Amino acid sequence: MRKAMLLCSLALCWQPSLHANEGRLLATGGASSIDGAAGGGITPWAVLSGYGEQGEWGATAFATRVDLPDYRLDVSGMAASYDNRIEFSYARQRFDLGSLVHKLGLPEDSLSQDVFGVKVRLFGDLIYDQLPQVALGLAYKRQKDFLIPSLVGAKRDEDVEGYLTASRLFMGAAFGYNLLVNGGVRYSRANELGLLGFGGDRRDSRSLLKEGSLAVLFNPRWALGVEYREKPDNLSFAGESDWADVFLGYFPNKHLAIVLAYAKLGEIATLDNQNGTYLSVQGSF
């Protein structure tokens, strides 16, 4: 996480020639989702990382922490996009099991996984086209500590999931303020993002899951919004709640994005009311 924070700091100072100073509008690159792809905090959007336009590169590095009553999630990663058409991303997630270690006498105190993603803009534009910007994404997830997931019924330690998402920025649509609307579907069997493995004793097939975001941009630098992400329920040992959050995004310039949120994550691995704070810092190149 320290390395990602350092990269974010360097992004404030480095302005390569490929950066689009007069191109895409501020905040239209979004932030970094917990899976590494550009978008909101818990859901990806159809936008691509950075601010690169046609024939240009864009890149981001980020660090995120989610503090919950009994757990903590730390994520760091990076993404790069080219031609405002294709994005490659990587995220390392580490889930601290906190009080659950002592309550259940677990053999490990954390779970982690690597997430490798690719997203392609299929058609449309966030603002200027008649159609919304639509993107197709794939994520390869590899769980690194499979002992605990296997003991609770998970079937595999790696898997691929896909998602289709559409985003549109409506200028002046919310009482004169710009309104961003994002909606998508995900095809996945990941248990708690994949941190508890993939598939389970209750169901081992992929599910079609809904997700979406809504944000009001009060000015080019501030955004207030909500997100929702439907989750599967593959394991019988515990329920898996859908996730939601209310977030405040700050975009002081094209090199920095800060997102603070209240995350309502519900039940995670038998412990209920896992609701807490979300903080993410992103540097853009």
Foldseek 3Di string as FASTA:
>chain_A
DVVLVVVLVVLVVDDDPLADQPADFFCQQAAAEQLFAHPYDPDHALWGHAGGAAAGKKKKWKWKWWDWPFKIKIKTWMKMDGNRFKMKIKMKIKMARGPVCVVVVDPDGIKIKMKIKMKGFDDDDQEDGPAFTKMKMKIKMAIDDAPQLVVQFADARIDMKMKIKTKHWAQLPPVGWIKIKMKMKMWAQAAPNSSSHGAGPQGRGTDIWIKIKIWTDPDSFKIWIKIWTQHDARTPQDGFHTKMKIKMWGRPDSFKIKIKIWIAGADDRNDGRGIGIMIMIMTMD
